[in-house]
Amino acid sequence: MILILTLAITSNAQALIMPVRAEAGVQIETGIVDVKTNMNTEVKSDADFEVYAKSIVSTERAIEKVSIKDKQMNVGYTQTVKLFGFIPMTADNEAQVTFSNNANGKLVSSVDIDQPWWSFMARTGVSSMESKLKSAIDTKVSTEEVVQAFVYAKALEAVKTTVNSQTSVK
């Protein structure tokens, strides 16, 4: 069987996955996922999450990269900071979101933000960003028990919303 899938981001920010060619008799599902709305409800598999993550990276100016591995999601983003309190600069940060189960078996997250080495000389607001991210992510995944693709999608949606509300990128 030969299967070629294409990915296109449409003008209204939808990711469209279409089969181009497949062997006769094979049923293929196409998927459209809306980036502007709660797309994370459509994410059912790792492949869906990959499409979702790529669409977020391509449509959100502040989000630069997304990766997942072993109950951890890393999201790279840019943030405008003030070096010495008055010189505007752009910092490349990475939020590391790690999932674990609490005593009740529900998912909880821990958030750590890696910053450039020079960030101690800048106003970054990272400590408040970490607590806001943790709160937003825990709100989205608090009813879940297992880390699956849609959990990462919910967490990425929370990161995207929080980063966009807390950063300004030109």
C-alpha atoms as a PDB file:
ATOM      1  CA  MET A   1       0.000   0.000   0.000  1.00  0.00           C
ATOM      2  CA  ILE A   2       1.244   3.445  -0.881  1.00  0.00           C
ATOM      3  CA  LEU A   3      -0.148   6.280   1.173  1.00  0.00           C
ATOM      4  CA  ILE A   4       0.854   9.872   0.946  1.00  0.00           C
ATOM      5  CA  LEU A   5      -0.651  12.324   3.400  1.00  0.00           C
ATOM      6  CA  THR A   6      -0.492  16.053   2.866  1.00  0.00           C
ATOM      7  CA  LEU A   7      -0.765  18.717   5.514  1.00  0.00           C
ATOM      8  CA  ALA A   8      -2.026  22.166   4.645  1.00  0.00           C
ATOM      9  CA  ILE A   9      -2.779  25.116   6.856  1.00  0.00           C
ATOM     10  CA  THR A  10      -5.743  26.922   5.315  1.00  0.00           C
ATOM     11  CA  SER A  11      -6.376  30.667   5.396  1.00  0.00           C
ATOM     12  CA  ASN A  12      -8.807  30.301   8.296  1.00  0.00           C
ATOM     13  CA  ALA A  13      -6.128  28.517  10.386  1.00  0.00           C
ATOM     14  CA  GLN A  14      -7.310  24.963   9.910  1.00  0.00           C
ATOM     15  CA  ALA A  15      -4.933  22.050   9.551  1.00  0.00           C
ATOM     16  CA  LEU A  16      -6.178  19.733   6.830  1.00  0.00           C
ATOM     17  CA  ILE A  17      -4.833  16.197   6.483  1.00  0.00           C
ATOM     18  CA  MET A  18      -5.752  14.621   3.159  1.00  0.00           C
ATOM     19  CA  PRO A  19      -4.817  11.299   1.631  1.00  0.00           C
ATOM     20  CA  VAL A  20      -3.418  11.785  -1.840  1.00  0.00           C
ATOM     21  CA  ARG A  21      -3.147   8.171  -2.962  1.00  0.00           C
ATOM     22  CA  ALA A  22      -3.921   4.808  -1.409  1.00  0.00           C
ATOM     23  CA  GLU A  23      -4.368   1.200  -2.410  1.00  0.00           C
ATOM     24  CA  ALA A  24      -7.847   0.270  -3.594  1.00  0.00           C
ATOM     25  CA  GLY A  25     -10.171  -1.033  -0.907  1.00  0.00           C
ATOM     26  CA  VAL A  26      -8.424   0.764   1.952  1.00  0.00           C
ATOM     27  CA  GLN A  27     -10.550   3.198   3.885  1.00  0.00           C
ATOM     28  CA  ILE A  28      -8.776   6.377   4.903  1.00  0.00           C
ATOM     29  CA  GLU A  29     -10.044   9.069   7.206  1.00  0.00           C
ATOM     30  CA  THR A  30      -9.294  12.710   6.545  1.00  0.00           C
ATOM     31  CA  GLY A  31      -9.162  15.067   9.437  1.00  0.00           C
ATOM     32  CA  ILE A  32      -9.718  18.771   9.838  1.00  0.00           C
ATOM     33  CA  VAL A  33      -8.715  20.340  13.078  1.00  0.00           C
ATOM     34  CA  ASP A  34      -9.434  23.972  13.888  1.00  0.00           C
ATOM     35  CA  VAL A  35      -6.430  25.777  15.344  1.00  0.00           C
ATOM     36  CA  LYS A  36      -8.363  28.852  16.480  1.00  0.00           C
ATOM     37  CA  THR A  37     -10.886  26.989  18.606  1.00  0.00           C
ATOM     38  CA  ASN A  38     -10.432  24.186  21.123  1.00  0.00           C
ATOM     39  CA  MET A  39      -8.738  21.912  18.667  1.00  0.00           C
ATOM     40  CA  ASN A  40      -7.474  19.730  21.483  1.00  0.00           C
ATOM     41  CA  THR A  41     -10.877  18.011  21.617  1.00  0.00           C
ATOM     42  CA  GLU A  42     -10.129  16.544  18.172  1.00  0.00           C
ATOM     43  CA  VAL A  43      -6.749  15.090  19.165  1.00  0.00           C
ATOM     44  CA  LYS A  44      -7.104  11.347  19.612  1.00  0.00           C
ATOM     45  CA  SER A  45      -3.661   9.981  18.671  1.00  0.00           C
ATOM     46  CA  ASP A  46       0.011  10.898  18.625  1.00  0.00           C
ATOM     47  CA  ALA A  47      -0.295  11.723  14.920  1.00  0.00           C
ATOM     48  CA  ASP A  48      -3.167  14.116  15.670  1.00  0.00           C
ATOM     49  CA  PHE A  49      -1.070  15.753  18.376  1.00  0.00           C
ATOM     50  CA  GLU A  50       1.831  16.149  15.964  1.00  0.00           C
ATOM     51  CA  VAL A  51      -0.450  17.962  13.500  1.00  0.00           C
ATOM     52  CA  TYR A  52      -1.841  20.097  16.313  1.00  0.00           C
ATOM     53  CA  ALA A  53       1.625  20.986  17.622  1.00  0.00           C
ATOM     54  CA  LYS A  54       2.880  21.884  14.134  1.00  0.00           C
ATOM     55  CA  SER A  55      -0.148  24.074  13.533  1.00  0.00           C
ATOM     56  CA  ILE A  56       0.401  25.881  16.850  1.00  0.00           C
ATOM     57  CA  VAL A  57       4.077  26.460  16.027  1.00  0.00           C
ATOM     58  CA  SER A  58       3.194  27.768  12.560  1.00  0.00           C
ATOM     59  CA  THR A  59       0.353  30.070  13.673  1.00  0.00           C
ATOM     60  CA  GLU A  60       1.484  31.369  17.077  1.00  0.00           C
ATOM     61  CA  ARG A  61       4.286  33.937  16.911  1.00  0.00           C
ATOM     62  CA  ALA A  62       5.558  33.313  20.449  1.00  0.00           C
ATOM     63  CA  ILE A  63       5.609  29.479  20.285  1.00  0.00           C
ATOM     64  CA  GLU A  64       8.756  28.180  18.570  1.00  0.00           C
ATOM     65  CA  LYS A  65       8.787  24.420  19.197  1.00  0.00           C
ATOM     66  CA  VAL A  66       6.909  21.613  20.914  1.00  0.00           C
ATOM     67  CA  SER A  67       8.196  18.164  21.837  1.00  0.00           C
ATOM     68  CA  ILE A  68       6.971  15.318  24.051  1.00  0.00           C
ATOM     69  CA  LYS A  69       8.781  12.391  25.650  1.00  0.00           C
ATOM     70  CA  ASP A  70       8.109  10.209  28.693  1.00  0.00           C
ATOM     71  CA  LYS A  71       5.290  12.197  30.335  1.00  0.00           C
ATOM     72  CA  GLN A  72       7.078  15.470  29.635  1.00  0.00           C
ATOM     73  CA  MET A  73       6.214  18.196  27.160  1.00  0.00           C
ATOM     74  CA  ASN A  74       8.706  20.912  26.235  1.00  0.00           C
ATOM     75  CA  VAL A  75       7.454  24.134  24.676  1.00  0.00           C
ATOM     76  CA  GLY A  76       9.950  26.697  23.421  1.00  0.00           C
ATOM     77  CA  TYR A  77       8.707  30.268  23.292  1.00  0.00           C
ATOM     78  CA  THR A  78      10.021  33.805  22.935  1.00  0.00           C
ATOM     79  CA  GLN A  79       9.389  36.559  25.417  1.00  0.00           C
ATOM     80  CA  THR A  80      10.222  40.259  25.420  1.00  0.00           C
ATOM     81  CA  VAL A  81      12.169  41.150  28.575  1.00  0.00           C
ATOM     82  CA  LYS A  82      13.919  44.259  29.914  1.00  0.00           C
ATOM     83  CA  LEU A  83      17.662  43.814  30.433  1.00  0.00           C
ATOM     84  CA  PHE A  84      18.772  45.877  33.446  1.00  0.00           C
ATOM     85  CA  GLY A  85      15.142  46.946  33.723  1.00  0.00           C
ATOM     86  CA  PHE A  86      15.113  49.217  30.663  1.00  0.00           C
ATOM     87  CA  ILE A  87      16.744  47.623  27.569  1.00  0.00           C
ATOM     88  CA  PRO A  88      14.150  45.618  25.595  1.00  0.00           C
ATOM     89  CA  MET A  89      15.387  42.201  24.425  1.00  0.00           C
ATOM     90  CA  THR A  90      13.908  38.921  23.278  1.00  0.00           C
ATOM     91  CA  ALA A  91      14.564  35.831  25.394  1.00  0.00           C
ATOM     92  CA  ASP A  92      14.157  32.265  24.163  1.00  0.00           C
ATOM     93  CA  ASN A  93      12.610  30.287  27.030  1.00  0.00           C
ATOM     94  CA  GLU A  94      11.553  26.660  27.312  1.00  0.00           C
ATOM     95  CA  ALA A  95       8.700  25.503  29.510  1.00  0.00           C
ATOM     96  CA  GLN A  96       9.088  21.910  30.684  1.00  0.00           C
ATOM     97  CA  VAL A  97       5.764  20.409  31.751  1.00  0.00           C
ATOM     98  CA  THR A  98       6.033  17.072  33.553  1.00  0.00           C
ATOM     99  CA  PHE A  99       2.969  14.996  34.397  1.00  0.00           C
ATOM    100  CA  SER A 100       2.530  12.664  37.360  1.00  0.00           C
ATOM    101  CA  ASN A 101      -0.368  11.134  39.252  1.00  0.00           C
ATOM    102  CA  ASN A 102      -1.469  12.409  42.663  1.00  0.00           C
ATOM    103  CA  ALA A 103      -2.688  10.213  45.539  1.00  0.00           C
ATOM    104  CA  ASN A 104      -6.172  10.058  43.957  1.00  0.00           C
ATOM    105  CA  GLY A 105      -4.732   8.842  40.653  1.00  0.00           C
ATOM    106  CA  LYS A 106      -5.478  12.092  38.812  1.00  0.00           C
ATOM    107  CA  LEU A 107      -2.879  13.879  36.711  1.00  0.00           C
ATOM    108  CA  VAL A 108      -1.016  16.869  38.083  1.00  0.00           C
ATOM    109  CA  SER A 109       1.721  18.868  36.414  1.00  0.00           C
ATOM    110  CA  SER A 110       4.957  20.467  37.429  1.00  0.00           C
ATOM    111  CA  VAL A 111       6.324  23.344  35.377  1.00  0.00           C
ATOM    112  CA  ASP A 112       9.898  24.514  35.091  1.00  0.00           C
ATOM    113  CA  ILE A 113      11.004  27.291  32.757  1.00  0.00           C
ATOM    114  CA  ASP A 114      14.554  27.325  31.396  1.00  0.00           C
ATOM    115  CA  GLN A 115      15.851  30.786  30.528  1.00  0.00           C
ATOM    116  CA  PRO A 116      18.986  32.216  28.903  1.00  0.00           C
ATOM    117  CA  TRP A 117      22.044  32.490  31.153  1.00  0.00           C
ATOM    118  CA  TRP A 118      21.755  36.281  31.271  1.00  0.00           C
ATOM    119  CA  SER A 119      18.165  36.269  32.536  1.00  0.00           C
ATOM    120  CA  PHE A 120      19.277  37.084  36.108  1.00  0.00           C
ATOM    121  CA  MET A 121      19.997  40.607  34.773  1.00  0.00           C
ATOM    122  CA  ALA A 122      16.538  41.010  33.251  1.00  0.00           C
ATOM    123  CA  ARG A 123      12.948  41.392  34.338  1.00  0.00           C
ATOM    124  CA  THR A 124      11.273  38.253  33.035  1.00  0.00           C
ATOM    125  CA  GLY A 125       8.311  37.449  35.282  1.00  0.00           C
ATOM    126  CA  VAL A 126       9.179  33.746  35.037  1.00  0.00           C
ATOM    127  CA  SER A 127       8.144  32.805  38.571  1.00  0.00           C
ATOM    128  CA  SER A 128       4.626  34.137  38.014  1.00  0.00           C
ATOM    129  CA  MET A 129       4.589  32.497  34.562  1.00  0.00           C
ATOM    130  CA  GLU A 130       5.432  29.105  36.096  1.00  0.00           C
ATOM    131  CA  SER A 131       2.598  29.327  38.620  1.00  0.00           C
ATOM    132  CA  LYS A 132       0.108  30.558  35.991  1.00  0.00           C
ATOM    133  CA  LEU A 133       1.093  27.753  33.616  1.00  0.00           C
ATOM    134  CA  LYS A 134       0.791  25.103  36.340  1.00  0.00           C
ATOM    135  CA  SER A 135      -2.623  26.401  37.357  1.00  0.00           C
ATOM    136  CA  ALA A 136      -3.898  26.575  33.759  1.00  0.00           C
ATOM    137  CA  ILE A 137      -2.589  23.104  32.872  1.00  0.00           C
ATOM    138  CA  ASP A 138      -3.882  21.464  36.065  1.00  0.00           C
ATOM    139  CA  THR A 139      -7.318  22.983  35.425  1.00  0.00           C
ATOM    140  CA  LYS A 140      -7.380  21.425  31.943  1.00  0.00           C
ATOM    141  CA  VAL A 141      -6.093  17.938  32.888  1.00  0.00           C
ATOM    142  CA  SER A 142      -7.315  17.504  36.480  1.00  0.00           C
ATOM    143  CA  THR A 143      -9.963  14.916  35.539  1.00  0.00           C
ATOM    144  CA  GLU A 144      -7.557  12.715  33.559  1.00  0.00           C
ATOM    145  CA  GLU A 145      -5.677   9.699  34.895  1.00  0.00           C
ATOM    146  CA  VAL A 146      -3.410   8.703  32.007  1.00  0.00           C
ATOM    147  CA  VAL A 147      -1.113  10.833  29.857  1.00  0.00           C
ATOM    148  CA  GLN A 148      -2.393  10.504  26.288  1.00  0.00           C
ATOM    149  CA  ALA A 149      -2.244  12.656  23.165  1.00  0.00           C
ATOM    150  CA  PHE A 150      -5.343  14.665  24.083  1.00  0.00           C
ATOM    151  CA  VAL A 151      -3.844  15.446  27.519  1.00  0.00           C
ATOM    152  CA  TYR A 152      -0.773  16.906  25.815  1.00  0.00           C
ATOM    153  CA  ALA A 153      -3.099  18.838  23.509  1.00  0.00           C
ATOM    154  CA  LYS A 154      -5.043  20.265  26.462  1.00  0.00           C
ATOM    155  CA  ALA A 155      -1.772  21.207  28.154  1.00  0.00           C
ATOM    156  CA  LEU A 156      -0.421  22.799  24.962  1.00  0.00           C
ATOM    157  CA  GLU A 157      -3.625  24.816  24.637  1.00  0.00           C
ATOM    158  CA  ALA A 158      -3.123  26.071  28.218  1.00  0.00           C
ATOM    159  CA  VAL A 159       0.525  26.930  27.525  1.00  0.00           C
ATOM    160  CA  LYS A 160      -0.404  28.745  24.310  1.00  0.00           C
ATOM    161  CA  THR A 161      -3.087  30.809  26.034  1.00  0.00           C
ATOM    162  CA  THR A 162      -0.894  31.667  29.028  1.00  0.00           C
ATOM    163  CA  VAL A 163       2.181  32.520  26.951  1.00  0.00           C
ATOM    164  CA  ASN A 164       0.135  34.737  24.640  1.00  0.00           C
ATOM    165  CA  SER A 165      -1.412  36.570  27.595  1.00  0.00           C
ATOM    166  CA  GLN A 166       1.943  37.052  29.391  1.00  0.00           C
ATOM    167  CA  THR A 167       4.393  37.806  26.576  1.00  0.00           C
ATOM    168  CA  SER A 168       4.734  40.299  23.814  1.00  0.00           C
ATOM    169  CA  VAL A 169       6.651  39.280  20.704  1.00  0.00           C
ATOM    170  CA  LYS A 170       7.210  41.674  17.843  1.00  0.00           C
END
